[in-house]
PDB file of N, CA and C in Angstrom:
ATOM      1  N   UNK A   1      21.263  42.901 -26.561  1.00  0.00           N
ATOM      2  CA  UNK A   1      21.226  44.581 -26.269  1.00  0.00           C
ATOM      3  C   UNK A   1      21.287  44.579 -24.793  1.00  0.00           C
ATOM      4  N   UNK A   2      21.885  43.697 -24.349  1.00  0.00           N
ATOM      5  CA  UNK A   2      22.383  43.836 -23.116  1.00  0.00           C
ATOM      6  C   UNK A   2      23.563  44.595 -22.666  1.00  0.00           C
ATOM      7  N   UNK A   3      23.053  45.590 -21.779  1.00  0.00           N
ATOM      8  CA  UNK A   3      24.117  46.275 -21.060  1.00  0.00           C
ATOM      9  C   UNK A   3      24.299  47.821 -22.254  1.00  0.00           C
ATOM     10  N   UNK A   4      23.605  48.218 -23.375  1.00  0.00           N
ATOM     11  CA  UNK A   4      23.223  48.679 -24.147  1.00  0.00           C
ATOM     12  C   UNK A   4      22.575  49.788 -23.758  1.00  0.00           C
ATOM     13  N   UNK A   5      23.093  51.181 -24.181  1.00  0.00           N
ATOM     14  CA  UNK A   5      22.351  52.812 -23.795  1.00  0.00           C
ATOM     15  C   UNK A   5      21.767  52.810 -25.043  1.00  0.00           C
ATOM     16  N   UNK A   6      20.182  53.208 -25.035  1.00  0.00           N
ATOM     17  CA  UNK A   6      19.320  53.376 -26.129  1.00  0.00           C
ATOM     18  C   UNK A   6      19.383  54.687 -26.359  1.00  0.00           C
ATOM     19  N   UNK A   7      19.351  54.966 -27.518  1.00  0.00           N
ATOM     20  CA  UNK A   7      19.287  56.584 -27.976  1.00  0.00           C
ATOM     21  C   UNK A   7      17.900  57.344 -27.912  1.00  0.00           C
ATOM     22  N   UNK A   8      17.904  58.675 -27.300  1.00  0.00           N
ATOM     23  CA  UNK A   8      16.702  59.093 -26.550  1.00  0.00           C
ATOM     24  C   UNK A   8      15.796  59.855 -28.280  1.00  0.00           C
ATOM     25  N   UNK A   9      16.468  59.499 -29.003  1.00  0.00           N
ATOM     26  CA  UNK A   9      15.483  60.114 -29.691  1.00  0.00           C
ATOM     27  C   UNK A   9      14.505  58.735 -30.349  1.00  0.00           C
ATOM     28  N   UNK A  10      14.426  57.479 -29.930  1.00  0.00           N
ATOM     29  CA  UNK A  10      13.672  56.276 -30.369  1.00  0.00           C
ATOM     30  C   UNK A  10      12.349  56.465 -29.400  1.00  0.00           C
ATOM     31  N   UNK A  11      10.874  55.944 -29.976  1.00  0.00           N
ATOM     32  CA  UNK A  11       9.745  56.105 -29.185  1.00  0.00           C
ATOM     33  C   UNK A  11      10.112  54.768 -28.029  1.00  0.00           C
ATOM     34  N   UNK A  12       9.125  54.719 -26.914  1.00  0.00           N
ATOM     35  CA  UNK A  12       9.298  53.399 -25.859  1.00  0.00           C
ATOM     36  C   UNK A  12       8.977  52.941 -26.825  1.00  0.00           C
ATOM     37  N   UNK A  13       7.683  52.691 -27.793  1.00  0.00           N
ATOM     38  CA  UNK A  13       7.473  51.022 -28.315  1.00  0.00           C
ATOM     39  C   UNK A  13       8.654  50.980 -29.129  1.00  0.00           C
ATOM     40  N   UNK A  14       8.931  51.227 -29.900  1.00  0.00           N
ATOM     41  CA  UNK A  14      10.475  51.165 -30.489  1.00  0.00           C
ATOM     42  C   UNK A  14      11.626  50.175 -29.777  1.00  0.00           C
ATOM     43  N   UNK A  15      12.005  51.109 -28.707  1.00  0.00           N
ATOM     44  CA  UNK A  15      13.056  50.388 -27.973  1.00  0.00           C
ATOM     45  C   UNK A  15      12.327  49.258 -27.245  1.00  0.00           C
ATOM     46  N   UNK A  16      11.704  48.828 -26.817  1.00  0.00           N
ATOM     47  CA  UNK A  16      11.105  47.951 -25.974  1.00  0.00           C
ATOM     48  C   UNK A  16      10.960  46.854 -27.141  1.00  0.00           C
ATOM     49  N   UNK A  17      10.335  47.342 -28.282  1.00  0.00           N
ATOM     50  CA  UNK A  17      10.098  45.848 -29.624  1.00  0.00           C
ATOM     51  C   UNK A  17      11.541  45.353 -29.761  1.00  0.00           C
ATOM     52  N   UNK A  18      12.427  46.341 -30.049  1.00  0.00           N
ATOM     53  CA  UNK A  18      13.940  46.084 -30.659  1.00  0.00           C
ATOM     54  C   UNK A  18      14.412  45.232 -28.928  1.00  0.00           C
ATOM     55  N   UNK A  19      14.556  45.196 -27.871  1.00  0.00           N
ATOM     56  CA  UNK A  19      15.130  44.917 -27.174  1.00  0.00           C
ATOM     57  C   UNK A  19      14.178  43.473 -26.881  1.00  0.00           C
ATOM     58  N   UNK A  20      13.544  43.705 -26.858  1.00  0.00           N
ATOM     59  CA  UNK A  20      12.375  42.351 -26.800  1.00  0.00           C
ATOM     60  C   UNK A  20      12.790  41.230 -27.834  1.00  0.00           C
ATOM     61  N   UNK A  21      12.761  41.564 -28.861  1.00  0.00           N
ATOM     62  CA  UNK A  21      13.197  40.923 -30.389  1.00  0.00           C
ATOM     63  C   UNK A  21      14.505  40.726 -30.126  1.00  0.00           C
ATOM     64  N   UNK A  22      15.456  41.046 -29.406  1.00  0.00           N
ATOM     65  CA  UNK A  22      17.018  40.706 -28.936  1.00  0.00           C
ATOM     66  C   UNK A  22      16.803  39.449 -28.196  1.00  0.00           C
ATOM     67  N   UNK A  23      15.924  39.581 -27.300  1.00  0.00           N
ATOM     68  CA  UNK A  23      16.477  38.703 -26.351  1.00  0.00           C
ATOM     69  C   UNK A  23      15.022  37.217 -25.982  1.00  0.00           C
ATOM     70  N   UNK A  24      14.906  36.886 -26.997  1.00  0.00           N
ATOM     71  CA  UNK A  24      13.853  36.022 -27.337  1.00  0.00           C
ATOM     72  C   UNK A  24      14.190  34.602 -27.038  1.00  0.00           C
ATOM     73  N   UNK A  25      13.230  33.585 -27.239  1.00  0.00           N
ATOM     74  CA  UNK A  25      13.600  32.261 -26.836  1.00  0.00           C
ATOM     75  C   UNK A  25      14.367  31.991 -25.030  1.00  0.00           C
ATOM     76  N   UNK A  26      15.250  30.915 -25.010  1.00  0.00           N
ATOM     77  CA  UNK A  26      15.879  30.879 -23.822  1.00  0.00           C
ATOM     78  C   UNK A  26      16.492  32.095 -23.254  1.00  0.00           C
ATOM     79  N   UNK A  27      16.853  33.275 -24.033  1.00  0.00           N
ATOM     80  CA  UNK A  27      17.383  34.435 -23.544  1.00  0.00           C
ATOM     81  C   UNK A  27      16.587  35.437 -23.144  1.00  0.00           C
ATOM     82  N   UNK A  28      15.478  35.175 -22.364  1.00  0.00           N
ATOM     83  CA  UNK A  28      15.015  36.162 -21.932  1.00  0.00           C
ATOM     84  C   UNK A  28      15.052  36.739 -20.641  1.00  0.00           C
ATOM     85  N   UNK A  29      14.902  38.155 -21.035  1.00  0.00           N
ATOM     86  CA  UNK A  29      15.722  39.010 -19.936  1.00  0.00           C
ATOM     87  C   UNK A  29      14.108  40.275 -19.451  1.00  0.00           C
ATOM     88  N   UNK A  30      14.706  40.724 -18.426  1.00  0.00           N
ATOM     89  CA  UNK A  30      13.642  42.029 -17.869  1.00  0.00           C
ATOM     90  C   UNK A  30      13.966  43.079 -18.555  1.00  0.00           C
ATOM     91  N   UNK A  31      12.962  44.192 -18.999  1.00  0.00           N
ATOM     92  CA  UNK A  31      13.357  45.040 -20.046  1.00  0.00           C
ATOM     93  C   UNK A  31      13.080  46.460 -18.849  1.00  0.00           C
ATOM     94  N   UNK A  32      14.415  47.059 -18.101  1.00  0.00           N
ATOM     95  CA  UNK A  32      14.489  48.213 -17.340  1.00  0.00           C
ATOM     96  C   UNK A  32      14.444  49.586 -17.829  1.00  0.00           C
ATOM     97  N   UNK A  33      13.427  50.459 -17.462  1.00  0.00           N
ATOM     98  CA  UNK A  33      13.708  51.734 -17.892  1.00  0.00           C
ATOM     99  C   UNK A  33      13.760  52.873 -17.274  1.00  0.00           C
ATOM    100  N   UNK A  34      14.570  53.634 -17.356  1.00  0.00           N
ATOM    101  CA  UNK A  34      14.794  54.565 -16.355  1.00  0.00           C
ATOM    102  C   UNK A  34      14.123  56.207 -16.524  1.00  0.00           C
ATOM    103  N   UNK A  35      13.692  56.505 -15.783  1.00  0.00           N
ATOM    104  CA  UNK A  35      12.537  58.000 -16.692  1.00  0.00           C
ATOM    105  C   UNK A  35      12.630  59.018 -15.021  1.00  0.00           C
ATOM    106  N   UNK A  36      12.741  60.111 -15.407  1.00  0.00           N
ATOM    107  CA  UNK A  36      12.601  61.159 -14.133  1.00  0.00           C
ATOM    108  C   UNK A  36      11.361  61.131 -13.092  1.00  0.00           C
ATOM    109  N   UNK A  37      11.344  61.752 -12.117  1.00  0.00           N
ATOM    110  CA  UNK A  37      10.332  61.814 -11.245  1.00  0.00           C
ATOM    111  C   UNK A  37       9.325  62.613 -12.093  1.00  0.00           C
ATOM    112  N   UNK A  38       8.114  62.157 -11.735  1.00  0.00           N
ATOM    113  CA  UNK A  38       7.003  62.672 -12.282  1.00  0.00           C
ATOM    114  C   UNK A  38       6.625  62.162 -13.573  1.00  0.00           C
ATOM    115  N   UNK A  39       7.356  61.445 -14.411  1.00  0.00           N
ATOM    116  CA  UNK A  39       7.124  60.972 -15.537  1.00  0.00           C
ATOM    117  C   UNK A  39       6.103  60.078 -15.939  1.00  0.00           C
ATOM    118  N   UNK A  40       5.120  60.094 -16.830  1.00  0.00           N
ATOM    119  CA  UNK A  40       4.330  59.433 -17.420  1.00  0.00           C
ATOM    120  C   UNK A  40       4.693  57.690 -17.623  1.00  0.00           C
ATOM    121  N   UNK A  41       4.917  57.038 -16.561  1.00  0.00           N
ATOM    122  CA  UNK A  41       5.284  55.439 -17.178  1.00  0.00           C
ATOM    123  C   UNK A  41       4.400  54.632 -18.201  1.00  0.00           C
ATOM    124  N   UNK A  42       2.927  54.783 -18.594  1.00  0.00           N
ATOM    125  CA  UNK A  42       2.111  54.496 -18.830  1.00  0.00           C
ATOM    126  C   UNK A  42       2.500  53.676 -20.510  1.00  0.00           C
ATOM    127  N   UNK A  43       3.009  54.070 -20.837  1.00  0.00           N
ATOM    128  CA  UNK A  43       3.672  54.425 -22.408  1.00  0.00           C
ATOM    129  C   UNK A  43       4.785  53.346 -22.344  1.00  0.00           C
ATOM    130  N   UNK A  44       5.387  53.213 -21.394  1.00  0.00           N
ATOM    131  CA  UNK A  44       6.728  52.511 -21.318  1.00  0.00           C
ATOM    132  C   UNK A  44       5.701  50.562 -20.883  1.00  0.00           C
ATOM    133  N   UNK A  45       5.032  51.026 -19.775  1.00  0.00           N
ATOM    134  CA  UNK A  45       4.475  50.026 -19.581  1.00  0.00           C
ATOM    135  C   UNK A  45       3.504  49.401 -20.618  1.00  0.00           C
ATOM    136  N   UNK A  46       3.035  49.706 -21.310  1.00  0.00           N
ATOM    137  CA  UNK A  46       2.220  49.524 -22.584  1.00  0.00           C
ATOM    138  C   UNK A  46       2.648  49.013 -23.936  1.00  0.00           C
ATOM    139  N   UNK A  47       4.482  49.654 -23.569  1.00  0.00           N
ATOM    140  CA  UNK A  47       5.257  49.366 -24.665  1.00  0.00           C
ATOM    141  C   UNK A  47       6.084  47.550 -24.300  1.00  0.00           C
ATOM    142  N   UNK A  48       5.895  47.471 -23.040  1.00  0.00           N
ATOM    143  CA  UNK A  48       6.714  45.982 -22.664  1.00  0.00           C
ATOM    144  C   UNK A  48       7.599  45.803 -21.433  1.00  0.00           C
ATOM    145  N   UNK A  49       7.658  47.177 -20.970  1.00  0.00           N
ATOM    146  CA  UNK A  49       8.793  47.417 -20.177  1.00  0.00           C
ATOM    147  C   UNK A  49       8.522  46.829 -18.877  1.00  0.00           C
ATOM    148  N   UNK A  50       9.289  45.813 -18.060  1.00  0.00           N
ATOM    149  CA  UNK A  50       9.434  45.196 -17.101  1.00  0.00           C
ATOM    150  C   UNK A  50       9.193  45.713 -15.740  1.00  0.00           C
ATOM    151  N   UNK A  51      10.167  46.689 -16.109  1.00  0.00           N
ATOM    152  CA  UNK A  51      10.384  47.630 -14.706  1.00  0.00           C
ATOM    153  C   UNK A  51      11.077  49.006 -14.952  1.00  0.00           C
ATOM    154  N   UNK A  52      10.108  49.881 -14.245  1.00  0.00           N
ATOM    155  CA  UNK A  52      10.064  51.483 -14.964  1.00  0.00           C
ATOM    156  C   UNK A  52      10.811  52.354 -13.400  1.00  0.00           C
ATOM    157  N   UNK A  53      12.259  52.531 -12.925  1.00  0.00           N
ATOM    158  CA  UNK A  53      12.897  53.294 -12.099  1.00  0.00           C
ATOM    159  C   UNK A  53      12.493  54.589 -12.279  1.00  0.00           C
ATOM    160  N   UNK A  54      12.244  55.220 -11.182  1.00  0.00           N
ATOM    161  CA  UNK A  54      12.575  56.733 -11.004  1.00  0.00           C
ATOM    162  C   UNK A  54      14.054  57.245 -10.985  1.00  0.00           C
ATOM    163  N   UNK A  55      14.607  57.987 -11.701  1.00  0.00           N
ATOM    164  CA  UNK A  55      15.906  57.927 -11.657  1.00  0.00           C
ATOM    165  C   UNK A  55      16.172  59.538 -11.060  1.00  0.00           C
ATOM    166  N   UNK A  56      16.976  60.080  -9.848  1.00  0.00           N
ATOM    167  CA  UNK A  56      17.181  61.289  -9.419  1.00  0.00           C
ATOM    168  C   UNK A  56      18.536  61.713  -9.875  1.00  0.00           C
ATOM    169  N   UNK A  57      18.897  63.130  -9.939  1.00  0.00           N
ATOM    170  CA  UNK A  57      20.040  63.849 -10.043  1.00  0.00           C
ATOM    171  C   UNK A  57      20.868  63.460  -8.926  1.00  0.00           C
ATOM    172  N   UNK A  58      22.258  63.581  -8.989  1.00  0.00           N
ATOM    173  CA  UNK A  58      22.829  63.535  -7.797  1.00  0.00           C
ATOM    174  C   UNK A  58      22.330  64.413  -6.974  1.00  0.00           C
ATOM    175  N   UNK A  59      22.306  63.909  -5.080  1.00  0.00           N
ATOM    176  CA  UNK A  59      22.079  64.859  -4.494  1.00  0.00           C
ATOM    177  C   UNK A  59      20.960  65.387  -4.404  1.00  0.00           C
ATOM    178  N   UNK A  60      20.003  64.674  -5.209  1.00  0.00           N
ATOM    179  CA  UNK A  60      18.591  65.327  -4.819  1.00  0.00           C
ATOM    180  C   UNK A  60      18.201  65.806  -3.388  1.00  0.00           C
ATOM    181  N   UNK A  61      17.245  66.977  -3.543  1.00  0.00           N
ATOM    182  CA  UNK A  61      16.856  67.513  -2.121  1.00  0.00           C
ATOM    183  C   UNK A  61      16.066  66.366  -1.829  1.00  0.00           C
ATOM    184  N   UNK A  62      15.878  66.552   0.116  1.00  0.00           N
ATOM    185  CA  UNK A  62      15.122  65.031   0.728  1.00  0.00           C
ATOM    186  C   UNK A  62      13.358  65.646  -0.126  1.00  0.00           C
ATOM    187  N   UNK A  63      12.925  66.689  -0.055  1.00  0.00           N
ATOM    188  CA  UNK A  63      11.390  67.225  -0.339  1.00  0.00           C
ATOM    189  C   UNK A  63      11.211  66.232  -1.732  1.00  0.00           C
ATOM    190  N   UNK A  64      12.281  66.483  -2.699  1.00  0.00           N
ATOM    191  CA  UNK A  64      11.748  65.464  -3.856  1.00  0.00           C
ATOM    192  C   UNK A  64      11.906  64.003  -3.842  1.00  0.00           C
ATOM    193  N   UNK A  65      12.682  63.857  -3.252  1.00  0.00           N
ATOM    194  CA  UNK A  65      12.446  62.042  -2.570  1.00  0.00           C
ATOM    195  C   UNK A  65      11.442  61.562  -2.374  1.00  0.00           C
ATOM    196  N   UNK A  66      10.693  62.352  -0.778  1.00  0.00           N
ATOM    197  CA  UNK A  66      10.167  62.369  -0.412  1.00  0.00           C
ATOM    198  C   UNK A  66       8.376  62.435  -1.140  1.00  0.00           C
ATOM    199  N   UNK A  67       8.587  63.254  -2.014  1.00  0.00           N
ATOM    200  CA  UNK A  67       7.232  63.652  -2.569  1.00  0.00           C
ATOM    201  C   UNK A  67       7.156  62.536  -3.953  1.00  0.00           C
ATOM    202  N   UNK A  68       8.298  61.733  -4.587  1.00  0.00           N
ATOM    203  CA  UNK A  68       7.914  60.800  -5.476  1.00  0.00           C
ATOM    204  C   UNK A  68       7.601  59.354  -4.439  1.00  0.00           C
ATOM    205  N   UNK A  69       8.226  59.483  -3.552  1.00  0.00           N
ATOM    206  CA  UNK A  69       8.057  58.121  -2.569  1.00  0.00           C
ATOM    207  C   UNK A  69       6.622  58.456  -2.088  1.00  0.00           C
ATOM    208  N   UNK A  70       5.781  59.522  -1.867  1.00  0.00           N
ATOM    209  CA  UNK A  70       4.546  59.569  -1.241  1.00  0.00           C
ATOM    210  C   UNK A  70       3.433  59.365  -2.767  1.00  0.00           C
ATOM    211  N   UNK A  71       3.943  59.995  -4.021  1.00  0.00           N
ATOM    212  CA  UNK A  71       3.219  59.452  -5.048  1.00  0.00           C
ATOM    213  C   UNK A  71       2.977  57.861  -5.337  1.00  0.00           C
ATOM    214  N   UNK A  72       4.021  56.899  -4.789  1.00  0.00           N
ATOM    215  CA  UNK A  72       3.716  55.586  -5.186  1.00  0.00           C
ATOM    216  C   UNK A  72       4.333  55.227  -6.719  1.00  0.00           C
ATOM    217  N   UNK A  73       4.017  54.145  -6.797  1.00  0.00           N
ATOM    218  CA  UNK A  73       4.344  53.346  -7.949  1.00  0.00           C
ATOM    219  C   UNK A  73       2.757  53.614  -8.888  1.00  0.00           C
TER     220      UNK A  73
END
């Protein structure tokens, strides 16, 4: 599953399970998920995501970036 884009119609749990199944044994890897600012990341964490990254649109306003940084992880 390395480098594949997931379909948006799947649930967080389904996507994580699929990815983790395909990377078992010696081929373990981090599962990275990209979400928009303000998204609830708990479902991804519960599903097994290793990293949840905040995604910005190209050229976001500085105020939006500062707000996300202020909220923290």
